[in-house]
């Protein structure tokens, strides 16, 4: 029984470390993308209630609200998880 519990603890720790590593990678890639001309980045990650927020520009008016984005032109491209999931058929 103890071995199974220890295994589960280890597995949970590995998951947390994987999420932490992926979060750090995503923040770093956002920073690098935001350095390119004409690109502004706003990234919000919520992991079990803990928020990580990155903004490539330090302005109170950035990022724009969802309403502002919806009214922008050219029309925004909105992506959902299903846009990235592999076709399971």
N, C-alpha and C. Protein backbone atom coordinates (compact mmCIF):
# COMPACT_ATOMS: atom_id res chain seq x y z
N UNK A 1 0.81 -1.19 0.00
CA UNK A 1 0.00 0.00 0.00
C UNK A 1 0.86 1.27 0.00
N UNK A 2 1.91 1.27 0.82
CA UNK A 2 2.79 2.44 0.89
C UNK A 2 3.50 2.68 -0.43
N UNK A 3 3.87 1.61 -1.12
CA UNK A 3 4.55 1.74 -2.40
C UNK A 3 3.65 2.42 -3.42
N UNK A 4 2.36 2.04 -3.44
CA UNK A 4 1.41 2.66 -4.36
C UNK A 4 1.23 4.14 -4.03
N UNK A 5 1.16 4.46 -2.74
CA UNK A 5 1.00 5.86 -2.33
C UNK A 5 2.24 6.67 -2.71
N UNK A 6 3.43 6.11 -2.47
CA UNK A 6 4.68 6.79 -2.85
C UNK A 6 4.75 7.00 -4.35
N UNK A 7 4.31 5.99 -5.10
CA UNK A 7 4.30 6.10 -6.56
C UNK A 7 3.37 7.23 -7.01
N UNK A 8 2.21 7.33 -6.37
CA UNK A 8 1.25 8.38 -6.72
C UNK A 8 1.80 9.76 -6.38
N UNK A 9 2.46 9.89 -5.24
CA UNK A 9 3.08 11.16 -4.83
C UNK A 9 4.14 11.56 -5.85
N UNK A 10 4.97 10.62 -6.26
CA UNK A 10 6.01 10.88 -7.24
C UNK A 10 5.40 11.29 -8.58
N UNK A 11 4.34 10.60 -8.98
CA UNK A 11 3.67 10.90 -10.24
C UNK A 11 3.08 12.32 -10.22
N UNK A 12 2.45 12.70 -9.10
CA UNK A 12 1.90 14.05 -8.97
C UNK A 12 2.99 15.11 -9.00
N UNK A 13 4.12 14.82 -8.36
CA UNK A 13 5.24 15.77 -8.37
C UNK A 13 5.78 15.95 -9.79
N UNK A 14 5.87 14.86 -10.54
CA UNK A 14 6.34 14.94 -11.92
C UNK A 14 5.38 15.76 -12.78
N UNK A 15 4.07 15.61 -12.55
CA UNK A 15 3.08 16.40 -13.29
C UNK A 15 3.24 17.88 -13.00
N UNK A 16 3.38 18.22 -11.70
CA UNK A 16 3.56 19.63 -11.31
C UNK A 16 4.81 20.21 -11.94
N UNK A 17 5.90 19.44 -11.92
CA UNK A 17 7.15 19.91 -12.51
C UNK A 17 7.00 20.09 -14.02
N UNK A 18 6.26 19.19 -14.67
CA UNK A 18 6.03 19.31 -16.11
C UNK A 18 5.22 20.55 -16.45
N UNK A 19 4.19 20.82 -15.64
CA UNK A 19 3.37 22.02 -15.86
C UNK A 19 4.21 23.27 -15.63
N UNK A 20 5.01 23.25 -14.59
CA UNK A 20 5.88 24.40 -14.29
C UNK A 20 6.86 24.65 -15.44
N UNK A 21 7.45 23.60 -15.96
CA UNK A 21 8.40 23.72 -17.07
C UNK A 21 7.71 24.25 -18.32
N UNK A 22 6.52 23.74 -18.61
CA UNK A 22 5.78 24.19 -19.80
C UNK A 22 5.34 25.64 -19.66
N UNK A 23 4.96 26.03 -18.45
CA UNK A 23 4.57 27.42 -18.20
C UNK A 23 5.76 28.34 -18.43
N UNK A 24 6.90 27.97 -17.89
CA UNK A 24 8.12 28.78 -18.06
C UNK A 24 8.49 28.89 -19.54
N UNK A 25 8.37 27.78 -20.27
CA UNK A 25 8.68 27.77 -21.71
C UNK A 25 7.73 28.69 -22.46
N UNK A 26 6.43 28.61 -22.15
CA UNK A 26 5.44 29.44 -22.83
C UNK A 26 5.68 30.93 -22.55
N UNK A 27 6.01 31.26 -21.31
CA UNK A 27 6.32 32.65 -20.98
C UNK A 27 7.56 33.13 -21.72
N UNK A 28 8.59 32.30 -21.80
CA UNK A 28 9.82 32.66 -22.51
C UNK A 28 9.56 32.85 -24.01
N UNK A 29 8.78 31.96 -24.60
CA UNK A 29 8.47 32.07 -26.03
C UNK A 29 7.62 33.31 -26.29
N UNK A 30 6.73 33.64 -25.37
CA UNK A 30 5.91 34.86 -25.51
C UNK A 30 6.80 36.09 -25.48
N UNK A 31 7.76 36.09 -24.58
CA UNK A 31 8.71 37.20 -24.50
C UNK A 31 9.45 37.37 -25.83
N UNK A 32 9.96 36.26 -26.36
CA UNK A 32 10.72 36.32 -27.62
C UNK A 32 9.84 36.76 -28.79
N UNK A 33 8.61 36.27 -28.86
CA UNK A 33 7.70 36.68 -29.93
C UNK A 33 7.36 38.16 -29.81
N UNK A 34 7.20 38.64 -28.59
CA UNK A 34 6.90 40.05 -28.36
C UNK A 34 8.02 40.99 -28.73
N UNK A 35 9.23 40.47 -28.90
CA UNK A 35 10.36 41.30 -29.31
C UNK A 35 10.34 41.60 -30.82
N UNK A 36 9.55 40.82 -31.57
CA UNK A 36 9.47 41.04 -33.02
C UNK A 36 8.68 42.32 -33.32
N UNK A 37 9.05 43.02 -34.39
CA UNK A 37 8.38 44.28 -34.71
C UNK A 37 6.89 44.07 -34.98
N UNK A 38 6.07 44.95 -34.38
CA UNK A 38 4.64 44.94 -34.65
C UNK A 38 3.84 43.91 -33.87
N UNK A 39 4.49 43.18 -32.97
CA UNK A 39 3.79 42.14 -32.22
C UNK A 39 3.73 42.52 -30.74
N UNK A 40 2.51 42.54 -30.22
CA UNK A 40 2.28 42.75 -28.79
C UNK A 40 1.67 41.47 -28.24
N UNK A 41 2.11 41.06 -27.08
CA UNK A 41 1.68 39.80 -26.49
C UNK A 41 0.99 40.06 -25.15
N UNK A 42 -0.14 39.38 -24.96
CA UNK A 42 -0.81 39.34 -23.67
C UNK A 42 -1.12 37.87 -23.41
N UNK A 43 -0.58 37.33 -22.33
CA UNK A 43 -0.74 35.92 -22.03
C UNK A 43 -1.20 35.78 -20.58
N UNK A 44 -2.25 34.99 -20.37
CA UNK A 44 -2.72 34.70 -19.02
C UNK A 44 -2.83 33.19 -18.87
N UNK A 45 -2.21 32.68 -17.83
CA UNK A 45 -2.27 31.26 -17.51
C UNK A 45 -2.83 31.14 -16.10
N UNK A 46 -3.81 30.29 -15.92
CA UNK A 46 -4.35 30.02 -14.59
C UNK A 46 -4.15 28.55 -14.28
N UNK A 47 -3.39 28.27 -13.25
CA UNK A 47 -3.12 26.90 -12.84
C UNK A 47 -3.60 26.72 -11.42
N UNK A 48 -4.75 26.07 -11.25
CA UNK A 48 -5.34 25.83 -9.93
C UNK A 48 -5.46 27.12 -9.12
N UNK A 49 -5.95 28.19 -9.76
CA UNK A 49 -6.17 29.46 -9.07
C UNK A 49 -4.97 30.39 -9.04
N UNK A 50 -3.80 29.91 -9.41
CA UNK A 50 -2.60 30.75 -9.46
C UNK A 50 -2.48 31.33 -10.87
N UNK A 51 -2.47 32.66 -10.98
CA UNK A 51 -2.39 33.31 -12.28
C UNK A 51 -0.96 33.71 -12.60
N UNK A 52 -0.61 33.52 -13.86
CA UNK A 52 0.66 33.99 -14.42
C UNK A 52 0.26 34.91 -15.57
N UNK A 53 0.68 36.16 -15.53
CA UNK A 53 0.29 37.13 -16.54
C UNK A 53 1.55 37.74 -17.15
N UNK A 54 1.59 37.75 -18.46
CA UNK A 54 2.70 38.37 -19.18
C UNK A 54 2.13 39.37 -20.18
N UNK A 55 2.69 40.57 -20.18
CA UNK A 55 2.34 41.60 -21.16
C UNK A 55 3.63 42.13 -21.75
N UNK A 56 3.69 42.17 -23.08
CA UNK A 56 4.92 42.63 -23.72
C UNK A 56 5.06 44.14 -23.66
N UNK A 57 3.98 44.83 -23.37
CA UNK A 57 4.06 46.28 -23.20
C UNK A 57 3.41 46.65 -21.87
N UNK A 58 3.98 47.62 -21.20
CA UNK A 58 3.51 48.01 -19.87
C UNK A 58 2.59 49.22 -19.99
N UNK A 59 1.34 48.92 -20.33
CA UNK A 59 0.34 49.97 -20.48
C UNK A 59 -0.94 49.49 -19.81
N UNK A 60 -1.62 50.36 -19.08
CA UNK A 60 -2.86 49.98 -18.41
C UNK A 60 -3.93 49.57 -19.42
N UNK A 61 -3.93 50.17 -20.60
CA UNK A 61 -4.95 49.88 -21.61
C UNK A 61 -4.66 48.60 -22.40
N UNK A 62 -3.59 47.91 -22.03
CA UNK A 62 -3.24 46.66 -22.72
C UNK A 62 -3.24 45.53 -21.72
N UNK A 63 -3.87 44.44 -22.02
CA UNK A 63 -4.49 44.06 -23.28
C UNK A 63 -5.89 44.67 -23.42
N UNK A 64 -6.37 44.74 -24.65
CA UNK A 64 -7.72 45.26 -24.86
C UNK A 64 -8.76 44.29 -24.29
N UNK A 65 -9.94 44.80 -24.03
CA UNK A 65 -11.01 43.94 -23.54
C UNK A 65 -11.51 43.05 -24.68
N UNK A 66 -12.25 42.01 -24.33
CA UNK A 66 -12.83 41.12 -25.35
C UNK A 66 -13.74 41.93 -26.27
N UNK A 67 -14.51 42.86 -25.73
CA UNK A 67 -15.39 43.69 -26.56
C UNK A 67 -14.58 44.51 -27.56
N UNK A 68 -13.46 45.08 -27.12
CA UNK A 68 -12.61 45.85 -28.03
C UNK A 68 -12.02 44.97 -29.11
N UNK A 69 -11.64 43.77 -28.75
CA UNK A 69 -11.07 42.84 -29.72
C UNK A 69 -12.11 42.46 -30.77
N UNK A 70 -13.34 42.18 -30.31
CA UNK A 70 -14.41 41.78 -31.23
C UNK A 70 -14.75 42.88 -32.23
N UNK A 71 -14.53 44.13 -31.85
CA UNK A 71 -14.86 45.26 -32.73
C UNK A 71 -13.68 45.70 -33.59
N UNK A 72 -12.55 45.04 -33.46
CA UNK A 72 -11.36 45.46 -34.21
C UNK A 72 -11.43 44.98 -35.65
N UNK A 73 -10.64 45.63 -36.48
CA UNK A 73 -10.53 45.22 -37.88
C UNK A 73 -9.05 45.20 -38.23
N UNK A 74 -8.57 44.19 -38.90
CA UNK A 74 -9.30 43.03 -39.40
C UNK A 74 -9.87 42.20 -38.26
N UNK A 75 -10.90 41.43 -38.58
CA UNK A 75 -11.57 40.62 -37.58
C UNK A 75 -10.57 39.68 -36.90
N UNK A 76 -10.75 39.47 -35.61
CA UNK A 76 -9.81 38.61 -34.88
C UNK A 76 -9.96 37.15 -35.27
N UNK A 77 -8.88 36.43 -35.16
CA UNK A 77 -8.90 34.97 -35.34
C UNK A 77 -8.95 34.38 -33.94
N UNK A 78 -10.01 33.67 -33.66
CA UNK A 78 -10.22 33.09 -32.32
C UNK A 78 -9.96 31.59 -32.40
N UNK A 79 -9.14 31.10 -31.49
CA UNK A 79 -8.79 29.69 -31.47
C UNK A 79 -9.27 29.05 -30.18
N UNK A 80 -9.74 27.83 -30.31
CA UNK A 80 -10.19 27.02 -29.18
C UNK A 80 -9.38 25.72 -29.16
N UNK A 81 -9.42 24.99 -28.05
CA UNK A 81 -8.65 23.74 -27.99
C UNK A 81 -8.92 22.81 -29.17
N UNK A 82 -10.16 22.75 -29.61
CA UNK A 82 -10.49 21.84 -30.71
C UNK A 82 -9.74 22.18 -31.99
N UNK A 83 -9.28 23.43 -32.12
CA UNK A 83 -8.52 23.83 -33.31
C UNK A 83 -7.12 23.20 -33.33
N UNK A 84 -6.67 22.72 -32.18
CA UNK A 84 -5.33 22.17 -32.08
C UNK A 84 -5.31 20.67 -31.82
N UNK A 85 -6.45 20.13 -31.44
CA UNK A 85 -6.52 18.70 -31.16
C UNK A 85 -6.50 17.93 -32.46
N UNK A 86 -5.81 16.82 -32.43
CA UNK A 86 -5.73 15.98 -33.63
C UNK A 86 -7.08 15.33 -33.88
N UNK A 87 -7.39 15.14 -35.13
CA UNK A 87 -8.64 14.50 -35.52
C UNK A 87 -8.66 13.07 -34.98
N UNK A 88 -9.65 12.75 -34.18
CA UNK A 88 -9.70 11.42 -33.56
C UNK A 88 -10.55 10.45 -34.35
N UNK A 89 -11.00 10.83 -35.52
CA UNK A 89 -11.82 9.92 -36.36
C UNK A 89 -10.96 9.03 -37.19
